[in-house]
Protein backbone atom coordinates (compact mmCIF):
# COMPACT_ATOMS: atom_id res chain seq x y z
CA MET A 1 -140.11 -35.78 -8.35
CA ASN A 2 -136.94 -34.02 -8.80
CA GLY A 3 -133.64 -35.05 -7.81
CA ALA A 4 -133.19 -33.82 -4.45
CA GLU A 5 -137.08 -35.02 -3.09
CA SER A 6 -135.64 -38.38 -3.94
CA LEU A 7 -132.37 -37.95 -1.10
CA VAL A 8 -134.00 -36.94 1.25
CA ARG A 9 -137.02 -39.39 1.04
CA SER A 10 -133.94 -41.80 0.10
CA LEU A 11 -131.76 -40.68 3.29
CA LEU A 12 -135.27 -41.45 5.28
CA ALA A 13 -135.97 -44.52 4.25
CA ASN A 14 -132.76 -45.70 4.84
CA GLY A 15 -132.64 -44.65 8.68
CA VAL A 16 -131.40 -41.01 8.37
CA ASP A 17 -133.31 -38.23 9.66
CA THR A 18 -131.11 -35.66 11.52
CA CYS A 19 -129.35 -33.35 8.57
CA PHE A 20 -126.58 -30.12 10.53
CA ALA A 21 -126.30 -28.46 7.89
CA ASN A 22 -124.56 -24.49 6.92
CA PRO A 23 -125.96 -24.50 3.12
CA GLY A 24 -125.29 -22.26 0.13
CA THR A 25 -126.73 -21.56 -3.76
CA SER A 26 -126.53 -25.21 -4.82
CA GLU A 27 -128.11 -26.77 -2.28
CA MET A 28 -131.08 -24.67 -1.94
CA HIS A 29 -133.21 -27.46 -3.96
CA PHE A 30 -132.26 -29.79 -1.27
CA VAL A 31 -132.74 -27.39 1.88
CA ALA A 32 -136.28 -26.49 -0.39
CA ALA A 33 -136.83 -30.79 -0.18
CA LEU A 34 -137.19 -31.15 3.12
CA ASP A 35 -140.07 -28.47 3.68
CA ARG A 36 -141.90 -31.37 0.82
CA VAL A 37 -140.96 -34.19 2.83
CA ASP A 38 -141.93 -34.57 6.98
CA GLY A 39 -139.09 -36.57 9.14
CA VAL A 40 -136.08 -34.67 8.85
CA ARG A 41 -134.69 -32.49 11.88
CA CYS A 42 -132.55 -30.06 10.20
CA VAL A 43 -129.69 -28.41 12.48
CA LEU A 44 -128.32 -25.36 11.66
CA GLY A 45 -124.97 -24.52 12.08
CA LEU A 46 -123.27 -21.37 11.40
CA HIS A 47 -119.34 -22.89 10.35
CA GLU A 48 -118.92 -25.43 8.84
CA ASN A 49 -116.91 -27.13 11.55
CA VAL A 50 -119.69 -26.87 13.79
CA VAL A 51 -121.85 -28.93 11.48
CA THR A 52 -119.49 -31.40 11.07
CA GLY A 53 -118.79 -31.78 15.20
CA MET A 54 -122.37 -31.69 15.77
CA ALA A 55 -122.23 -34.89 13.55
CA ASP A 56 -119.72 -36.65 15.12
CA GLY A 57 -120.96 -36.36 18.56
CA TYR A 58 -124.37 -37.53 17.22
CA TYR A 59 -123.39 -40.66 15.77
CA ARG A 60 -121.04 -41.51 19.26
CA ILE A 61 -123.87 -41.32 21.17
CA SER A 62 -126.84 -42.43 18.75
CA GLY A 63 -124.68 -45.30 16.69
CA LYS A 64 -126.19 -44.44 13.74
CA PRO A 65 -125.33 -41.30 10.95
CA ALA A 66 -126.77 -38.24 10.46
CA ALA A 67 -126.38 -36.42 7.19
CA THR A 68 -124.20 -32.92 6.84
CA LEU A 69 -125.16 -30.46 4.42
CA LEU A 70 -122.13 -28.44 2.97
CA HIS A 71 -121.37 -25.53 0.65
CA CYS A 72 -118.58 -26.44 -2.57
CA GLY A 73 -115.17 -27.00 -2.14
CA PRO A 74 -114.70 -23.98 0.39
CA GLY A 75 -117.40 -25.33 2.90
CA LEU A 76 -115.84 -29.03 2.80
CA SER A 77 -112.62 -27.49 3.55
CA ASN A 78 -113.85 -25.45 6.00
CA GLY A 79 -115.23 -28.48 8.22
CA SER A 80 -112.67 -30.70 7.04
CA ALA A 81 -111.27 -30.62 10.70
CA ASN A 82 -114.29 -31.98 12.52
CA LEU A 83 -114.05 -34.30 9.84
CA HIS A 84 -110.81 -35.76 10.52
CA ASN A 85 -111.46 -35.85 14.31
CA ALA A 86 -114.46 -38.59 13.34
CA ARG A 87 -113.10 -40.18 10.71
CA ARG A 88 -110.45 -41.23 13.87
CA ALA A 89 -113.51 -41.37 16.07
CA GLU A 90 -114.72 -44.11 13.90
CA SER A 91 -118.13 -42.33 13.33
CA GLY A 92 -120.37 -42.85 10.46
CA ILE A 93 -121.49 -39.42 8.48
CA VAL A 94 -123.23 -39.13 5.10
CA ASN A 95 -121.38 -36.25 4.52
CA ILE A 96 -123.42 -34.29 1.38
CA VAL A 97 -121.06 -31.23 -0.28
CA GLY A 98 -123.37 -29.45 -3.22
CA ASP A 99 -121.73 -28.38 -6.27
CA HIS A 100 -121.57 -26.23 -9.13
CA ALA A 101 -124.34 -27.23 -12.07
CA THR A 102 -122.61 -30.03 -14.53
CA GLY A 103 -122.62 -27.53 -17.42
CA HIS A 104 -120.51 -25.00 -15.18
CA ARG A 105 -117.92 -26.97 -13.60
CA PRO A 106 -115.58 -26.10 -16.90
CA TYR A 107 -116.11 -22.56 -16.55
CA ASP A 108 -114.02 -22.03 -13.48
CA SER A 109 -116.61 -19.58 -11.65
CA PRO A 110 -114.32 -19.00 -7.90
CA LEU A 111 -116.16 -21.28 -6.40
CA THR A 112 -115.03 -24.02 -8.20
CA ALA A 113 -112.55 -27.25 -6.55
CA ASP A 114 -111.87 -30.49 -7.12
CA VAL A 115 -114.64 -31.85 -3.91
CA PRO A 116 -113.09 -35.29 -4.29
CA ALA A 117 -109.69 -34.31 -3.88
CA LEU A 118 -110.58 -32.53 -1.11
CA ALA A 119 -113.29 -35.47 0.30
CA GLY A 120 -110.68 -38.20 -0.12
CA ALA A 121 -108.24 -37.12 2.49
CA VAL A 122 -111.49 -37.40 5.11
CA SER A 123 -113.77 -40.61 3.86
CA ALA A 124 -113.70 -43.46 3.38
CA SER A 125 -115.83 -43.35 0.09
CA VAL A 126 -116.75 -40.36 -2.50
CA CYS A 127 -119.60 -40.55 -5.01
CA THR A 128 -120.75 -38.07 -7.20
CA PRO A 129 -123.96 -39.36 -8.93
CA ALA A 130 -124.28 -39.21 -12.85
CA ASN A 131 -127.59 -38.26 -13.04
CA THR A 132 -130.51 -37.82 -11.18
CA GLU A 133 -132.14 -41.37 -11.37
CA THR A 134 -129.12 -42.92 -9.50
CA LEU A 135 -128.76 -40.33 -7.03
CA GLY A 136 -131.30 -41.83 -4.41
CA ALA A 137 -129.46 -45.27 -5.35
CA ASP A 138 -125.96 -43.80 -4.41
CA ALA A 139 -127.35 -42.00 -1.15
CA ALA A 140 -128.59 -44.80 0.11
CA ARG A 141 -124.82 -47.18 -0.66
CA ALA A 142 -123.66 -44.16 0.79
CA VAL A 143 -125.64 -44.30 4.08
CA ALA A 144 -124.84 -48.56 4.24
CA ILE A 145 -121.12 -47.28 4.49
CA ALA A 146 -121.36 -45.52 7.50
CA ARG A 147 -123.82 -48.00 9.00
CA GLN A 148 -120.01 -49.98 8.62
CA HIS A 149 -118.02 -51.15 11.37
CA PRO A 150 -116.47 -49.02 12.56
CA GLY A 151 -118.59 -46.33 11.34
CA ARG A 152 -117.21 -44.81 8.39
CA ILE A 153 -117.25 -40.56 6.57
CA ALA A 154 -119.15 -41.72 2.90
CA THR A 155 -119.04 -38.39 0.82
CA LEU A 156 -122.07 -37.72 -1.74
CA ILE A 157 -120.90 -34.77 -4.15
CA LEU A 158 -124.23 -33.18 -5.23
CA PRO A 159 -124.05 -31.39 -8.43
CA ALA A 160 -126.66 -28.38 -8.22
CA ASP A 161 -128.50 -29.52 -11.49
CA ILE A 162 -128.65 -33.69 -10.53
CA SER A 163 -130.64 -31.73 -7.53
CA TRP A 164 -133.21 -29.71 -9.31
CA SER A 165 -133.69 -31.59 -12.33
CA GLU A 166 -136.63 -34.08 -12.45
CA GLY A 167 -136.95 -37.76 -12.15
CA GLY A 168 -135.70 -38.48 -8.83
CA VAL A 169 -135.97 -41.78 -7.64
CA GLU A 170 -136.47 -43.40 -4.24
CA ALA A 171 -134.26 -45.69 -2.94
CA ALA A 172 -135.22 -48.46 -1.39
CA THR A 173 -133.20 -49.90 2.14
CA HIS A 174 -129.32 -50.70 1.05
CA SER A 175 -127.67 -53.25 3.94
CA ALA A 176 -124.62 -52.62 5.61
CA THR A 177 -121.53 -55.15 4.59
CA PRO A 178 -120.76 -57.10 7.57
CA PRO A 179 -117.75 -57.16 9.58
CA PRO A 180 -114.88 -59.64 8.36
CA VAL A 181 -115.00 -63.32 10.87
CA ILE A 182 -112.79 -63.09 12.96
CA ASP A 183 -109.52 -65.52 12.32
CA PRO A 184 -109.30 -68.46 15.04
CA LEU A 185 -105.97 -68.73 14.59
CA ALA A 186 -105.50 -65.40 16.08
CA VAL A 187 -107.75 -65.90 18.77
CA GLU A 188 -105.57 -68.98 20.23
CA THR A 189 -102.82 -66.67 19.34
CA ALA A 190 -104.11 -64.53 21.92
CA ARG A 191 -104.99 -67.41 24.31
CA GLN A 192 -101.06 -68.71 24.41
CA LEU A 193 -99.51 -65.17 24.91
CA LEU A 194 -102.10 -64.32 27.62
CA GLY A 195 -101.21 -67.44 29.26
CA GLY A 196 -97.81 -67.87 29.31
CA ASP A 197 -94.88 -65.60 30.69
CA GLY A 198 -94.35 -61.99 31.22
CA ARG A 199 -96.56 -59.35 32.20
CA SER A 200 -99.43 -58.98 29.56
CA LEU A 201 -101.80 -55.91 28.49
CA ILE A 202 -104.92 -56.00 26.43
CA LEU A 203 -105.60 -53.05 24.80
CA LEU A 204 -109.24 -51.76 23.46
CA GLY A 205 -110.38 -49.62 20.76
CA ASN A 206 -113.45 -48.13 19.76
CA SER A 207 -115.50 -49.79 19.06
CA THR A 208 -114.39 -52.55 22.24
CA ALA A 209 -114.59 -49.42 24.48
CA THR A 210 -118.10 -50.29 26.23
CA HIS A 211 -119.66 -52.18 29.27
CA GLU A 212 -119.52 -55.24 27.46
CA GLY A 213 -116.19 -55.00 26.06
CA ILE A 214 -114.57 -53.47 28.16
CA GLY A 215 -116.08 -56.46 30.62
CA LEU A 216 -114.65 -59.25 28.82
CA ALA A 217 -111.37 -57.94 28.92
CA TYR A 218 -111.84 -57.54 32.91
CA ALA A 219 -112.88 -60.75 32.74
CA ILE A 220 -109.80 -62.76 30.39
CA ALA A 221 -107.31 -60.14 32.57
CA GLY A 222 -108.49 -62.13 35.23
CA ARG A 223 -108.13 -64.97 34.09
CA ALA A 224 -105.05 -64.54 33.16
CA GLY A 225 -103.43 -61.80 34.99
CA ALA A 226 -103.25 -59.43 32.23
CA ASP A 227 -104.23 -55.66 32.38
CA VAL A 228 -106.72 -53.43 30.78
CA MET A 229 -106.16 -50.11 28.77
CA ALA A 230 -107.53 -47.99 26.44
CA SER A 231 -106.37 -46.84 23.41
CA SER A 232 -105.06 -42.65 24.17
CA THR A 233 -107.66 -41.78 21.01
CA VAL A 234 -110.63 -43.96 21.95
CA ALA A 235 -113.66 -41.54 20.99
CA SER A 236 -116.18 -42.74 23.81
CA HIS A 237 -116.49 -45.35 26.99
CA PRO A 238 -118.98 -45.79 30.42
CA GLY A 239 -117.45 -44.10 33.55
CA GLY A 240 -118.70 -43.74 36.94
CA ARG A 241 -120.78 -45.81 39.52
CA GLY A 242 -120.98 -49.46 38.20
CA THR A 243 -117.79 -49.11 35.64
CA HIS A 244 -114.61 -50.85 35.41
CA PRO A 245 -111.58 -48.31 35.70
CA PHE A 246 -110.17 -48.22 31.82
CA PRO A 247 -107.45 -45.55 32.34
CA ARG A 248 -105.32 -44.68 28.65
CA VAL A 249 -102.03 -44.97 27.41
CA PRO A 250 -100.68 -41.49 28.10
CA TYR A 251 -100.68 -38.44 25.87
CA PRO A 252 -96.77 -37.32 27.00
CA VAL A 253 -94.48 -39.56 24.78
CA ASP A 254 -92.67 -40.05 27.86
CA ALA A 255 -95.19 -40.79 30.46
CA ALA A 256 -96.48 -43.65 27.82
CA ILE A 257 -93.45 -45.23 26.99
CA GLU A 258 -92.54 -45.62 30.65
CA VAL A 259 -96.97 -47.26 31.43
CA LEU A 260 -96.13 -49.37 28.73
CA ALA A 261 -92.17 -50.36 29.86
CA ALA A 262 -94.52 -52.76 32.58
CA TYR A 263 -95.78 -54.99 29.73
CA ASP A 264 -93.69 -58.06 27.51
CA ASN A 265 -97.24 -58.79 25.50
CA VAL A 266 -99.02 -56.66 24.50
CA LEU A 267 -102.98 -57.78 23.12
CA LEU A 268 -104.34 -55.24 20.73
CA VAL A 269 -108.31 -55.81 20.15
CA ASN A 270 -109.74 -52.83 17.09
CA CYS A 271 -106.96 -50.62 17.81
CA PRO A 272 -103.11 -50.44 16.49
CA PRO A 273 -100.23 -50.34 18.49
CA PRO A 274 -99.26 -47.26 20.39
CA VAL A 275 -97.57 -44.90 18.86
CA GLY A 276 -96.16 -40.71 20.02
CA PHE A 277 -98.86 -38.55 18.33
CA PHE A 278 -95.28 -36.83 16.96
CA GLY A 279 -91.83 -37.42 16.49
CA TYR A 280 -89.64 -35.56 18.79
CA PRO A 281 -85.67 -35.73 18.55
CA GLY A 282 -84.31 -39.08 20.56
CA LYS A 283 -87.04 -40.49 21.01
CA PRO A 284 -89.52 -43.40 19.35
CA SER A 285 -92.18 -43.60 17.93
CA LEU A 286 -93.78 -47.25 18.74
CA LEU A 287 -94.00 -46.73 22.19
CA CYS A 288 -94.09 -50.57 23.23
CA ARG A 289 -90.54 -51.85 24.52
CA PRO A 290 -88.93 -53.20 21.19
CA ASP A 291 -88.57 -56.78 22.68
CA ALA A 292 -92.10 -56.83 23.75
CA VAL A 293 -94.43 -59.49 21.62
CA VAL A 294 -97.97 -57.01 19.89
CA HIS A 295 -100.46 -59.63 18.59
CA THR A 296 -103.63 -57.83 16.82
CA LEU A 297 -106.76 -59.96 18.16
CA SER A 298 -108.95 -58.23 15.84
CA ARG A 299 -108.63 -55.36 14.05
CA ARG A 300 -110.75 -51.88 13.57
CA GLU A 301 -113.20 -53.72 10.93
CA GLN A 302 -113.41 -56.30 12.71
CA ASP A 303 -116.42 -56.85 15.61
CA GLY A 304 -113.82 -56.60 18.52
CA THR A 305 -116.57 -57.19 20.89
CA GLU A 306 -116.99 -60.47 19.18
CA ALA A 307 -113.51 -61.34 18.88
CA LEU A 308 -113.28 -60.81 22.98
CA ARG A 309 -116.18 -63.60 23.24
CA LEU A 310 -114.69 -65.75 21.35
CA LEU A 311 -111.56 -65.32 23.76
CA ALA A 312 -112.92 -65.62 27.08
CA THR A 313 -114.60 -68.68 25.94
CA ALA A 314 -110.97 -69.72 25.25
CA PHE A 315 -110.39 -69.37 28.58
CA GLY A 316 -113.00 -70.96 29.31
CA LEU A 317 -114.99 -68.08 30.99
CA ASP A 318 -118.97 -68.57 31.13
CA ILE A 319 -119.76 -65.19 29.72
CA GLY A 320 -123.71 -65.39 30.29
CA GLU A 321 -122.46 -65.02 33.89
CA MET A 322 -120.74 -62.38 33.65
CA ASN A 323 -121.70 -59.84 34.79
CA ARG A 324 -121.03 -55.36 35.69
CA PRO A 325 -119.72 -54.28 38.68
CA ALA A 326 -122.66 -53.03 40.87
CA ILE A 327 -123.94 -49.22 40.97
CA GLY A 328 -123.49 -48.65 44.43
CA PRO A 329 -125.51 -45.69 46.24
CA ARG A 330 -124.74 -42.21 45.59
CA GLN A 331 -121.49 -41.01 47.25
CA GLU A 332 -120.99 -38.05 49.61
CA ILE A 333 -118.53 -36.39 48.24
CA GLU A 334 -117.47 -32.93 49.59
CA LEU A 335 -117.97 -29.73 47.42
CA PRO A 336 -114.25 -28.24 47.02
CA HIS A 337 -113.23 -24.57 48.04
CA GLY A 338 -110.61 -22.35 47.38
CA GLU A 339 -108.98 -21.04 43.59
CA PRO A 340 -109.62 -23.54 40.45
CA THR A 341 -107.18 -26.81 40.46
CA PRO A 342 -107.75 -30.09 37.82
CA GLU A 343 -107.91 -31.89 41.16
CA LYS A 344 -111.34 -29.82 42.68
CA LEU A 345 -112.99 -29.71 39.24
CA ASP A 346 -112.27 -33.29 38.88
CA GLN A 347 -114.41 -33.32 42.91
CA ALA A 348 -116.83 -30.65 41.56
CA LEU A 349 -117.69 -32.83 38.90
CA ALA A 350 -117.88 -36.14 41.01
CA ALA A 351 -120.14 -34.49 43.43
CA LEU A 352 -122.79 -33.14 41.26
CA LEU A 353 -122.72 -35.24 37.64
CA PRO A 354 -126.52 -36.34 37.06
CA ASP A 355 -127.51 -39.56 36.35
CA ARG A 356 -126.73 -40.36 32.99
CA ALA A 357 -124.89 -37.58 31.68
CA ILE A 358 -122.58 -37.10 28.87
CA ILE A 359 -119.13 -35.18 29.76
CA VAL A 360 -117.20 -33.81 26.51
CA ASP A 361 -113.68 -33.75 27.29
CA GLU A 362 -111.37 -30.68 25.27
CA SER A 363 -109.64 -29.89 28.96
CA ILE A 364 -106.56 -30.65 27.01
CA THR A 365 -104.21 -29.88 30.01
CA TYR A 366 -106.39 -28.95 32.40
CA SER A 367 -107.27 -32.65 32.68
CA ASN A 368 -105.90 -34.77 35.11
CA GLY A 369 -107.63 -37.66 34.58
CA PHE A 370 -110.84 -36.23 36.19
CA THR A 371 -109.75 -40.39 38.49
CA THR A 372 -112.71 -39.72 40.61
CA THR A 373 -115.33 -38.51 38.42
CA ARG A 374 -114.65 -41.40 36.52
CA ALA A 375 -115.20 -43.11 39.47
CA ALA A 376 -117.12 -42.45 41.97
CA ALA A 377 -119.70 -39.97 39.54
CA ALA A 378 -123.36 -40.66 38.79
CA PRO A 379 -123.20 -43.21 35.18
CA HIS A 380 -122.02 -41.51 32.70
CA ASP A 381 -120.53 -41.94 28.60
CA TRP A 382 -116.73 -39.51 28.74
CA LEU A 383 -116.15 -38.32 24.90
CA VAL A 384 -112.74 -37.21 23.60
CA ILE A 385 -111.66 -35.56 20.94
CA THR A 386 -109.83 -38.19 18.93
CA GLY A 387 -107.88 -36.76 15.70
CA GLY A 388 -105.61 -34.39 17.79
CA ALA A 389 -107.57 -31.19 15.57
CA ILE A 390 -108.30 -29.06 18.16
CA GLY A 391 -111.91 -26.77 18.25
CA GLY A 392 -114.34 -30.11 18.41
CA GLY A 393 -114.92 -29.93 22.40
CA MET A 394 -117.89 -27.35 21.27
CA PRO A 395 -119.70 -29.12 18.36
CA VAL A 396 -119.57 -32.58 19.56
CA ALA A 397 -121.04 -31.48 22.58
CA THR A 398 -123.92 -30.22 20.55
CA GLY A 399 -124.61 -33.46 18.57
CA ALA A 400 -124.16 -35.02 21.63
CA ALA A 401 -126.89 -33.70 22.90
CA ILE A 402 -128.99 -33.46 19.94
CA ALA A 403 -128.86 -37.81 20.36
CA GLY A 404 -128.89 -37.69 24.02
CA GLY A 405 -132.45 -37.27 24.20
CA GLY A 406 -133.20 -34.68 27.17
CA ARG A 407 -129.59 -36.37 29.05
CA GLN A 408 -126.65 -33.18 30.50
CA VAL A 409 -123.94 -32.54 28.11
CA VAL A 410 -121.05 -30.95 29.81
CA ASN A 411 -118.49 -29.76 27.83
CA LEU A 412 -114.88 -29.38 29.39
CA GLN A 413 -113.32 -26.39 27.19
CA ALA A 414 -109.96 -25.30 27.07
CA ASP A 415 -110.03 -21.68 25.86
CA GLY A 416 -107.15 -21.73 22.97
CA SER A 417 -109.61 -24.63 21.50
CA ALA A 418 -113.04 -23.19 22.23
CA ALA A 419 -111.81 -20.05 19.81
CA TYR A 420 -112.21 -22.64 16.28
CA THR A 421 -115.95 -23.30 17.05
CA LEU A 422 -117.16 -20.55 19.39
CA GLN A 423 -120.28 -20.28 17.16
CA ALA A 424 -121.35 -24.26 18.14
CA LEU A 425 -122.98 -22.30 21.64
CA TRP A 426 -125.39 -20.65 18.89
CA THR A 427 -126.90 -23.86 17.97
CA GLN A 428 -127.26 -24.58 21.28
CA ALA A 429 -128.98 -21.70 22.47
CA ARG A 430 -131.27 -21.86 19.26
CA GLU A 431 -132.47 -25.68 19.75
CA ASN A 432 -132.22 -25.13 23.78
CA LEU A 433 -130.05 -27.89 24.55
CA PRO A 434 -129.64 -29.43 28.35
CA CYS A 435 -125.60 -28.44 27.16
CA THR A 436 -123.01 -26.63 30.44
CA THR A 437 -120.15 -25.37 29.22
CA VAL A 438 -116.74 -25.42 31.79
CA LEU A 439 -114.61 -22.73 29.96
CA LEU A 440 -110.57 -23.27 31.01
CA ASN A 441 -109.91 -19.64 31.62
CA ASN A 442 -105.41 -19.86 30.87
CA ARG A 443 -105.40 -17.44 28.80
CA ARG A 444 -102.66 -19.14 26.65
CA TYR A 445 -102.10 -22.01 24.68
CA ASN A 446 -100.46 -24.32 27.51
CA ILE A 447 -100.33 -27.48 25.68
CA LEU A 448 -97.57 -25.59 23.59
CA LEU A 449 -95.56 -24.74 26.04
CA GLY A 450 -95.10 -28.33 27.26
CA GLU A 451 -94.32 -29.32 23.11
CA TYR A 452 -92.18 -26.74 23.07
CA ARG A 453 -90.35 -28.12 26.16
CA ASN A 454 -90.58 -31.64 24.11
CA VAL A 455 -88.57 -30.60 21.72
CA GLY A 456 -85.84 -29.19 24.04
CA ALA A 457 -86.60 -25.44 23.23
CA VAL A 458 -86.92 -22.04 25.52
CA PRO A 459 -89.64 -20.06 24.85
CA GLY A 460 -88.47 -16.71 24.23
CA PRO A 461 -90.70 -12.94 23.90
CA THR A 462 -91.44 -13.67 20.61
CA ALA A 463 -92.76 -17.85 20.99
CA MET A 464 -94.54 -16.69 23.98
CA SER A 465 -96.26 -14.04 22.19
CA MET A 466 -98.08 -16.79 19.77
CA LEU A 467 -98.87 -18.64 22.77
CA ASP A 468 -100.06 -16.42 25.35
CA LEU A 469 -104.21 -15.29 24.59
CA ASP A 470 -103.96 -12.39 27.28
CA ASN A 471 -103.36 -9.47 24.48
CA PRO A 472 -105.99 -8.37 24.59
CA ASP A 473 -107.97 -11.19 27.22
CA ILE A 474 -111.39 -12.16 25.45
CA ARG A 475 -114.32 -12.26 27.82
CA TRP A 476 -116.11 -15.67 27.15
CA ALA A 477 -118.54 -15.41 29.30
CA ASP A 478 -120.03 -12.23 27.00
CA LEU A 479 -118.55 -13.56 24.06
CA ALA A 480 -121.77 -16.40 25.13
CA ARG A 481 -124.09 -14.43 25.82
CA SER A 482 -123.82 -12.67 22.30
CA LEU A 483 -125.08 -16.17 20.95
CA GLY A 484 -127.64 -16.50 23.43
CA VAL A 485 -126.38 -18.56 26.11
CA GLU A 486 -126.62 -17.21 29.71
CA ALA A 487 -123.42 -17.53 31.20
CA VAL A 488 -121.07 -16.75 34.87
CA CYS A 489 -117.34 -16.04 34.80
CA VAL A 490 -116.22 -17.41 38.35
CA ALA A 491 -112.86 -17.52 40.25
CA THR A 492 -113.07 -19.39 42.65
CA MET A 493 -114.24 -23.50 43.45
CA GLU A 494 -117.22 -22.23 45.46
CA GLU A 495 -118.79 -20.11 42.82
CA CYS A 496 -117.63 -23.49 40.14
CA ALA A 497 -120.50 -25.43 42.37
CA GLN A 498 -122.97 -23.03 42.28
CA ALA A 499 -123.00 -22.66 38.47
CA LEU A 500 -122.65 -26.43 37.70
CA SER A 501 -125.53 -26.63 40.10
CA ARG A 502 -127.79 -23.51 38.11
CA GLY A 503 -126.65 -25.02 35.05
CA PHE A 504 -127.19 -28.76 35.62
CA GLY A 505 -130.48 -27.58 36.93
CA SER A 506 -131.82 -25.23 34.09
CA GLY A 507 -132.62 -28.02 31.07
CA LYS A 508 -130.90 -25.49 28.95
CA PRO A 509 -127.48 -23.90 27.70
CA TYR A 510 -125.61 -22.31 30.77
CA PHE A 511 -121.53 -20.97 29.78
CA ILE A 512 -119.63 -21.18 33.20
CA GLU A 513 -116.40 -19.43 32.22
CA LEU A 514 -113.49 -20.64 35.37
CA LEU A 515 -110.85 -18.31 35.90
CA VAL A 516 -107.64 -20.58 35.88
């Protein structure tokens, strides 16, 4: 077999059966191998940043890595923003980047680029196979790295000649490296910290934001008199009836400082200390009180849930008797009326959301925390964009829908961010995915108006011309229809609720442009 076929077979042997792709000439032998080897679902994206975002969303729901297929250095560059988000989300991805044939690279043809350098910015590992015979084994190692705890991005650079040459070997299964053990001293120090004087906060990071992890944290907090919060960029967490409240550290620096000022002790579980997204004049970067005691129970690469189990045991709690909150009956929530507001959209979602839905939130400034949905809606998973690179919402929603096996996906989508990766709608239509997009059309980069105020400036005419999106207006519903998705434009909450019901009942992609 040639190298491309050995790569496909090695990916399958190691559990990677989904590939998100935007291939080019250098990847044609890999594409041809997909026809010869059954078992890989290949999903086409019209832009590389859609491809990489889909792989991120897929991992967050399935818990296993997919492959991406990108074309040379420029294709990798196009997909790097959502690879950055995926790295922050700790999503495992096997990122395959085609490259020129080895003998062609010295001629510096137009697509030649420093692919290892580009990949290094977003990858935990970068590998260029030395020859066709080692390609399968290198692929197996890349999968093992992507499967490590937490998930990681492993980039495999695929020169065209190594792909087309004969002599490929299918690799055996390669096991992921287990996470480092939890330090008993860290557990005992945490017990003493929470059991001592002052008000304490347990702050959870990505891999602990599960039913079990949050439940353990609440049990410990109940025994110690502490509070529980999520890091501001937790990638996903459960919500709805039958879940504990799980507030995030606020995004605005002033609000975060105010919230965290209440705590004398902060226990970090698989997350770093809270920091501002940006530095501002006269404001700190570290958001906890300068005199607060900050202690790390477990690092990102460790099993934070196991650390919480050990800490619960240290407090004398019986882990076997810990239960999730009961999932009560669906509440009758009145549908909202009148002009749209964040609170009314929250109310409509809480009333109409189907069981086990997946919400992908890139609503930016329109979000008020969706507190009613998180508390009273049907059980669901809530995903956010983690790395600050806008344009993740639609691709992540698409990948989540592919992993979800028919679960309803709801994408709460800011208009400015949607303009980056609108092509994801085409993939939703092509794959017939149950994904309802609520496009929040306020015709501006509203987040940047807030940032303008944060740096102490007042936008004038030139600044406003770079923040407004209304000259010309973008006809979002028309764009969605052009990409094969049924769409409607609504201006009242009565119309919005009707459209949500229609989208949720269709089992297909559906696009709601909400004028706000």
